Amino acid sequence: MELFNSALGKNITFVRPPYFMISGLSGIPNIKHYYVFLFFVYVISVLGNTVVMAVIYLDHNLRTPKYVAVFNLAFVDLFGNSALVPKVLDVFLFNHRFISYNNCLAFLFFCYTCLSMQSFNLVALSYDRLVAIIFPLHYQVKITHKFMFSLIASFWVFVITAVLIAVGLITRLSFCNSVVINSYFCDHGQIYRLSCNNNFPNYVVSCLFPVLIFWLPLAFILLSYSYIGYALAKVATMQERLKAFKTCIGHLTLVAIYFIPLLITFTLMENIHPNARIINLSLTSVFPPMLNPIIYVLQTQEIKVSVKKLLKIKSTSKITIKKFTIM
């Protein structure tokens, strides 16, 4: 209990502010144009991810374990962007910069949960590619619907538990000085640094969280593709290697889009301007959810075939209805 209550057994008065103020970007002229741009990115993201989810749901040929992970990725992208962007627009476009204490913690929870699940979805897809290429004869046995549902569910449980711990530790903090959050949303690191009592447990969580949510998934993905490359170099011809590599292009593109901006931010955290950090993190939060469905539609043959088939069925049904109407 002492972990969640730093005043246990001590004569300390907690100061829990009624609200926080989100500062966002400062000193940039015409910054509202950037938030309008985020709105258009959000609209494209909602449309793209809705289409991907609808195609997977409607086409029975896509109800494979791999597309369980793809559907979950689209759902997380849609849910995460819907949790983040409308609130960011409300805060900065309509100048509602004050957010209540409880709403801020809820905002933090949903944003961190979805951002973390994006990372673990990429892990699930990389494991799918690893088994498909290295153990093609055992793929149907190893990667089943039950396995993929269990894997995705375990990721959800782990992420939600980790984020709840981070949020729970914030509730033990007292805020007796500033309530201004130097970020574009209720950022965990920026919030706990505002406290005026012992925040060491929060500091530990802020160090562990990137390792568990970012570095370990990235390490697994890199090791998976290193092993794939090593195995293909030993046994496959150049044509077979290219064929296997083509099945990974979409996933590798998603990995690059998600992890490279975060790598830059984490590496240069202390050396970049706060505005640059906020822009980089905000684009990292909204761009992958917009690009993921576009990349999967362009790079994945099954989805392209499915979209064409569904559009053909729709156009055929319209022609049939018109014929009946004329008759």
Protein backbone atom coordinates (compact mmCIF):
# COMPACT_ATOMS: atom_id res chain seq x y z
CA MET A 1 0.00 0.00 0.00
CA GLU A 2 2.87 2.40 0.73
CA LEU A 3 3.78 2.29 -2.95
CA PHE A 4 0.42 3.91 -3.76
CA ASN A 5 0.30 6.21 -0.75
CA SER A 6 3.44 8.19 -0.03
CA ALA A 7 1.76 9.86 2.97
CA LEU A 8 1.01 6.62 4.80
CA GLY A 9 2.02 7.07 8.44
CA LYS A 10 3.30 10.59 7.75
CA ASN A 11 1.82 13.99 8.49
CA ILE A 12 1.63 15.13 4.85
CA THR A 13 -1.27 16.97 3.26
CA PHE A 14 -2.03 15.87 -0.27
CA VAL A 15 -2.75 18.52 -2.87
CA ARG A 16 -4.74 17.01 -5.68
CA PRO A 17 -5.44 19.77 -8.22
CA PRO A 18 -8.97 20.13 -9.61
CA TYR A 19 -7.49 20.43 -13.09
CA PHE A 20 -4.31 20.41 -15.20
CA MET A 21 -3.46 22.80 -18.00
CA ILE A 22 -2.02 21.36 -21.23
CA SER A 23 0.44 23.86 -22.70
CA GLY A 24 1.07 22.29 -26.11
CA LEU A 25 3.22 24.04 -28.71
CA SER A 26 4.34 27.56 -27.86
CA GLY A 27 5.80 30.45 -29.82
CA ILE A 28 4.89 29.06 -33.26
CA PRO A 29 2.85 31.38 -35.52
CA ASN A 30 -0.26 29.98 -37.24
CA ILE A 31 -0.01 26.80 -35.19
CA LYS A 32 -3.75 26.21 -35.61
CA HIS A 33 -3.01 25.12 -39.18
CA TYR A 34 -1.07 22.18 -37.73
CA TYR A 35 -4.08 21.08 -35.68
CA VAL A 36 -6.32 21.36 -38.76
CA PHE A 37 -3.80 19.12 -40.53
CA LEU A 38 -4.10 16.61 -37.65
CA PHE A 39 -7.87 16.65 -38.15
CA PHE A 40 -7.54 15.63 -41.81
CA VAL A 41 -5.03 12.91 -40.84
CA TYR A 42 -7.58 11.67 -38.29
CA VAL A 43 -10.40 11.57 -40.88
CA ILE A 44 -8.24 9.53 -43.29
CA SER A 45 -7.25 7.22 -40.42
CA VAL A 46 -10.88 6.61 -39.40
CA LEU A 47 -11.94 5.87 -42.99
CA GLY A 48 -8.94 3.64 -43.74
CA ASN A 49 -9.10 1.55 -40.58
CA THR A 50 -12.89 1.21 -40.82
CA VAL A 51 -12.49 -0.10 -44.38
CA VAL A 52 -9.82 -2.63 -43.34
CA MET A 53 -11.95 -3.89 -40.44
CA ALA A 54 -15.05 -4.10 -42.67
CA VAL A 55 -13.18 -6.00 -45.42
CA ILE A 56 -11.77 -8.53 -42.94
CA TYR A 57 -15.20 -8.97 -41.35
CA LEU A 58 -17.09 -9.35 -44.65
CA ASP A 59 -14.63 -11.60 -46.50
CA HIS A 60 -14.57 -15.09 -44.98
CA ASN A 61 -11.29 -15.84 -46.82
CA LEU A 62 -9.55 -13.26 -44.62
CA ARG A 63 -10.65 -14.84 -41.34
CA THR A 64 -7.22 -16.36 -40.78
CA PRO A 65 -5.01 -16.03 -37.67
CA LYS A 66 -2.83 -13.43 -39.41
CA TYR A 67 -5.83 -11.20 -40.06
CA VAL A 68 -6.95 -11.51 -36.45
CA ALA A 69 -3.78 -9.50 -35.67
CA VAL A 70 -4.40 -7.14 -38.61
CA PHE A 71 -8.00 -6.54 -37.46
CA ASN A 72 -6.77 -5.85 -33.92
CA LEU A 73 -4.16 -3.43 -35.30
CA ALA A 74 -6.85 -1.55 -37.24
CA PHE A 75 -9.10 -1.49 -34.15
CA VAL A 76 -6.29 -0.16 -31.93
CA ASP A 77 -5.40 2.49 -34.53
CA LEU A 78 -9.03 3.60 -34.80
CA PHE A 79 -9.60 3.57 -31.04
CA GLY A 80 -6.28 5.25 -30.22
CA ASN A 81 -6.68 8.06 -32.73
CA SER A 82 -10.29 8.60 -31.59
CA ALA A 83 -9.11 8.86 -27.98
CA LEU A 84 -6.33 11.32 -28.83
CA VAL A 85 -7.09 13.58 -31.80
CA PRO A 86 -10.61 14.87 -30.95
CA LYS A 87 -9.43 15.83 -27.47
CA VAL A 88 -6.27 17.50 -28.84
CA LEU A 89 -8.43 19.50 -31.27
CA ASP A 90 -10.79 20.47 -28.47
CA VAL A 91 -7.88 21.60 -26.28
CA PHE A 92 -5.95 23.63 -28.85
CA LEU A 93 -8.34 24.60 -31.64
CA PHE A 94 -11.15 25.60 -29.26
CA ASN A 95 -8.79 26.71 -26.48
CA HIS A 96 -10.12 24.35 -23.77
CA ARG A 97 -6.70 23.86 -22.23
CA PHE A 98 -7.90 23.03 -18.73
CA ILE A 99 -8.73 19.38 -18.12
CA SER A 100 -10.02 17.93 -14.85
CA TYR A 101 -7.76 15.68 -12.79
CA ASN A 102 -9.80 12.49 -13.37
CA ASN A 103 -10.32 13.20 -17.07
CA CYS A 104 -6.60 13.76 -17.48
CA LEU A 105 -5.78 10.35 -15.94
CA ALA A 106 -8.41 8.70 -18.18
CA PHE A 107 -6.92 10.51 -21.20
CA LEU A 108 -3.45 9.23 -20.21
CA PHE A 109 -4.74 5.67 -19.77
CA PHE A 110 -6.40 5.38 -23.19
CA CYS A 111 -3.55 7.09 -25.09
CA TYR A 112 -0.81 4.97 -23.50
CA THR A 113 -2.81 1.74 -23.83
CA CYS A 114 -3.39 2.19 -27.56
CA LEU A 115 0.15 3.43 -28.29
CA SER A 116 1.56 0.40 -26.45
CA MET A 117 -0.77 -2.06 -28.18
CA GLN A 118 0.46 -0.84 -31.58
CA SER A 119 3.91 -2.10 -30.59
CA PHE A 120 2.65 -5.52 -29.49
CA ASN A 121 0.48 -5.91 -32.59
CA LEU A 122 3.65 -5.56 -34.65
CA VAL A 123 5.21 -8.30 -32.49
CA ALA A 124 2.27 -10.62 -33.25
CA LEU A 125 2.59 -9.95 -36.98
CA SER A 126 6.37 -10.50 -36.92
CA TYR A 127 5.90 -13.86 -35.16
CA ASP A 128 3.35 -14.79 -37.82
CA ARG A 129 5.89 -14.00 -40.58
CA LEU A 130 8.65 -15.87 -38.71
CA VAL A 131 6.65 -19.10 -38.51
CA ALA A 132 5.24 -18.73 -42.05
CA ILE A 133 8.71 -18.42 -43.60
CA ILE A 134 10.87 -20.61 -41.34
CA PHE A 135 8.31 -23.36 -40.59
CA PRO A 136 5.88 -23.26 -43.54
CA LEU A 137 4.82 -26.89 -43.13
CA HIS A 138 3.96 -26.34 -39.46
CA TYR A 139 2.29 -22.95 -39.92
CA GLN A 140 -1.29 -24.26 -39.81
CA VAL A 141 -0.50 -26.17 -36.61
CA LYS A 142 1.48 -23.46 -34.80
CA ILE A 143 -0.52 -20.36 -35.81
CA THR A 144 -4.15 -21.19 -35.07
CA HIS A 145 -7.07 -18.93 -34.32
CA LYS A 146 -6.94 -20.01 -30.69
CA PHE A 147 -3.22 -19.21 -30.46
CA MET A 148 -3.59 -15.78 -32.08
CA PHE A 149 -6.60 -14.82 -29.95
CA SER A 150 -4.70 -15.94 -26.83
CA LEU A 151 -1.60 -13.99 -27.86
CA ILE A 152 -3.54 -10.79 -28.57
CA ALA A 153 -5.58 -11.16 -25.35
CA SER A 154 -2.38 -11.63 -23.29
CA PHE A 155 -0.93 -8.47 -24.83
CA TRP A 156 -4.08 -6.52 -23.91
CA VAL A 157 -3.96 -7.80 -20.32
CA PHE A 158 -0.26 -6.98 -19.97
CA VAL A 159 -0.57 -3.48 -21.44
CA ILE A 160 -3.69 -2.55 -19.46
CA THR A 161 -2.06 -3.79 -16.24
CA ALA A 162 1.15 -1.83 -16.92
CA VAL A 163 -0.72 1.40 -17.73
CA LEU A 164 -3.02 1.00 -14.71
CA ILE A 165 0.05 0.72 -12.47
CA ALA A 166 1.45 3.92 -14.00
CA VAL A 167 -1.87 5.73 -13.50
CA GLY A 168 -2.27 4.34 -9.96
CA LEU A 169 1.15 5.66 -8.98
CA ILE A 170 0.21 9.14 -10.18
CA THR A 171 -2.73 9.16 -7.73
CA ARG A 172 -0.22 9.03 -4.84
CA LEU A 173 1.42 12.28 -5.92
CA SER A 174 0.81 15.72 -4.46
CA PHE A 175 0.82 18.74 -6.78
CA CYS A 176 1.51 21.91 -4.85
CA ASN A 177 3.30 23.98 -7.48
CA SER A 178 2.62 24.08 -11.21
CA VAL A 179 -0.24 22.24 -12.93
CA VAL A 180 0.97 23.05 -16.47
CA ILE A 181 1.73 19.91 -18.54
CA ASN A 182 4.36 20.68 -21.17
CA SER A 183 2.95 18.33 -23.78
CA TYR A 184 0.04 17.96 -26.19
CA PHE A 185 -1.80 15.43 -23.99
CA CYS A 186 -1.71 14.15 -20.41
CA ASP A 187 1.82 12.77 -20.68
CA HIS A 188 2.93 10.51 -17.80
CA GLY A 189 6.50 11.83 -17.69
CA GLN A 190 5.43 15.45 -17.69
CA ILE A 191 2.78 14.91 -14.99
CA TYR A 192 4.86 13.08 -12.37
CA ARG A 193 7.65 15.67 -12.68
CA LEU A 194 5.19 18.33 -11.45
CA SER A 195 4.75 16.61 -8.07
CA CYS A 196 6.22 18.00 -4.86
CA ASN A 197 6.48 14.72 -2.91
CA ASN A 198 8.46 11.54 -3.48
CA ASN A 199 8.02 10.46 -7.10
CA PHE A 200 10.76 7.81 -7.26
CA PRO A 201 8.30 4.93 -7.98
CA ASN A 202 6.95 6.97 -10.90
CA TYR A 203 10.49 7.55 -12.13
CA VAL A 204 11.15 3.78 -12.01
CA VAL A 205 7.98 3.11 -14.01
CA SER A 206 8.94 5.79 -16.55
CA CYS A 207 12.27 3.98 -17.05
CA LEU A 208 10.77 0.47 -17.20
CA PHE A 209 7.84 1.35 -19.44
CA PRO A 210 9.87 2.14 -22.59
CA VAL A 211 11.93 -1.02 -22.07
CA LEU A 212 8.88 -3.29 -21.75
CA ILE A 213 6.64 -1.55 -24.27
CA PHE A 214 9.17 -0.29 -26.81
CA TRP A 215 12.65 -1.79 -26.64
CA LEU A 216 11.75 -5.46 -26.00
CA PRO A 217 9.15 -5.61 -28.82
CA LEU A 218 11.62 -3.88 -31.16
CA ALA A 219 14.38 -6.33 -30.17
CA PHE A 220 12.06 -9.31 -30.82
CA ILE A 221 11.07 -7.95 -34.25
CA LEU A 222 14.70 -7.29 -35.26
CA LEU A 223 15.80 -10.74 -34.05
CA SER A 224 12.89 -12.35 -35.92
CA TYR A 225 13.86 -10.74 -39.21
CA SER A 226 17.56 -11.39 -38.62
CA TYR A 227 16.75 -15.08 -38.20
CA ILE A 228 14.52 -15.01 -41.29
CA GLY A 229 17.33 -13.41 -43.31
CA TYR A 230 19.91 -15.89 -41.99
CA ALA A 231 17.70 -18.90 -42.72
CA LEU A 232 16.83 -17.72 -46.24
CA ALA A 233 20.48 -16.97 -47.05
CA LYS A 234 21.40 -20.59 -46.23
CA VAL A 235 18.72 -22.54 -48.09
CA ALA A 236 16.80 -20.36 -50.54
CA THR A 237 17.56 -19.22 -54.07
CA MET A 238 17.52 -15.52 -54.91
CA GLN A 239 14.05 -15.83 -56.42
CA GLU A 240 12.73 -17.61 -53.30
CA ARG A 241 14.29 -14.96 -51.06
CA LEU A 242 12.61 -12.15 -53.00
CA LYS A 243 9.28 -13.98 -52.88
CA ALA A 244 9.56 -14.47 -49.10
CA PHE A 245 10.74 -10.88 -48.60
CA LYS A 246 7.74 -9.49 -50.53
CA THR A 247 5.42 -11.03 -47.92
CA CYS A 248 7.26 -9.02 -45.24
CA ILE A 249 7.43 -5.60 -46.94
CA GLY A 250 4.11 -4.35 -45.55
CA HIS A 251 4.97 -5.36 -41.99
CA LEU A 252 8.53 -3.96 -42.17
CA THR A 253 7.13 -0.65 -43.42
CA LEU A 254 4.76 -0.49 -40.45
CA VAL A 255 7.65 -1.26 -38.09
CA ALA A 256 9.75 1.55 -39.58
CA ILE A 257 6.89 4.07 -39.46
CA TYR A 258 6.14 3.29 -35.82
CA PHE A 259 9.60 2.81 -34.31
CA ILE A 260 11.93 5.23 -36.16
CA PRO A 261 10.29 8.48 -34.90
CA LEU A 262 10.22 7.04 -31.35
CA LEU A 263 13.89 6.06 -31.64
CA ILE A 264 14.77 9.62 -32.65
CA THR A 265 12.72 11.09 -29.79
CA PHE A 266 14.10 8.75 -27.11
CA THR A 267 17.69 9.13 -28.35
CA LEU A 268 17.62 12.94 -28.55
CA MET A 269 15.13 13.56 -25.71
CA GLU A 270 17.40 15.89 -23.75
CA ASN A 271 18.83 17.68 -26.80
CA ILE A 272 15.76 18.64 -28.81
CA HIS A 273 13.48 21.64 -28.31
CA PRO A 274 10.21 20.89 -26.46
CA ASN A 275 8.24 21.98 -29.54
CA ALA A 276 10.20 19.53 -31.72
CA ARG A 277 9.57 16.75 -29.19
CA ILE A 278 5.83 17.50 -29.09
CA ILE A 279 5.54 17.60 -32.91
CA ASN A 280 7.54 14.39 -33.28
CA LEU A 281 5.48 12.54 -30.67
CA SER A 282 2.16 13.84 -31.99
CA LEU A 283 3.01 12.78 -35.55
CA THR A 284 4.18 9.40 -34.22
CA SER A 285 0.79 9.01 -32.53
CA VAL A 286 -1.38 9.91 -35.54
CA PHE A 287 0.62 8.99 -38.66
CA PRO A 288 1.02 5.20 -38.20
CA PRO A 289 -2.77 4.72 -37.69
CA MET A 290 -3.34 6.66 -40.93
CA LEU A 291 -0.66 4.86 -42.96
CA ASN A 292 -1.22 1.30 -41.67
CA PRO A 293 -4.42 0.65 -43.65
CA ILE A 294 -3.02 2.35 -46.75
CA ILE A 295 0.11 0.19 -46.63
CA TYR A 296 -1.85 -3.01 -46.06
CA VAL A 297 -4.21 -2.25 -48.94
CA LEU A 298 -1.30 -1.45 -51.28
CA GLN A 299 1.12 -4.17 -50.15
CA THR A 300 -1.10 -7.12 -49.21
CA GLN A 301 -2.41 -9.06 -52.19
CA GLU A 302 -5.20 -10.77 -50.23
CA ILE A 303 -6.76 -7.47 -49.14
CA LYS A 304 -6.48 -5.97 -52.64
CA VAL A 305 -8.23 -9.03 -54.11
CA SER A 306 -10.86 -8.92 -51.36
CA VAL A 307 -11.60 -5.20 -51.89
CA LYS A 308 -11.96 -5.75 -55.66
CA LYS A 309 -14.24 -8.74 -55.05
CA LEU A 310 -16.44 -6.83 -52.58
CA LEU A 311 -16.68 -3.82 -54.94
CA LYS A 312 -17.56 -6.16 -57.82
CA ILE A 313 -20.29 -7.83 -55.73
CA LYS A 314 -21.66 -4.40 -54.75
CA SER A 315 -21.71 -3.13 -58.34
CA THR A 316 -23.31 -6.38 -59.56
CA SER A 317 -26.05 -6.13 -56.91
CA LYS A 318 -26.75 -2.52 -57.94
CA ILE A 319 -27.11 -3.56 -61.60
CA THR A 320 -29.46 -6.38 -60.58
CA ILE A 321 -31.59 -4.01 -58.50
CA LYS A 322 -31.82 -1.57 -61.43
CA LYS A 323 -32.93 -4.37 -63.77
CA PHE A 324 -35.67 -5.42 -61.38
CA THR A 325 -36.75 -1.78 -61.01
CA ILE A 326 -36.99 -1.34 -64.80
CA MET A 327 -38.98 -4.58 -65.15
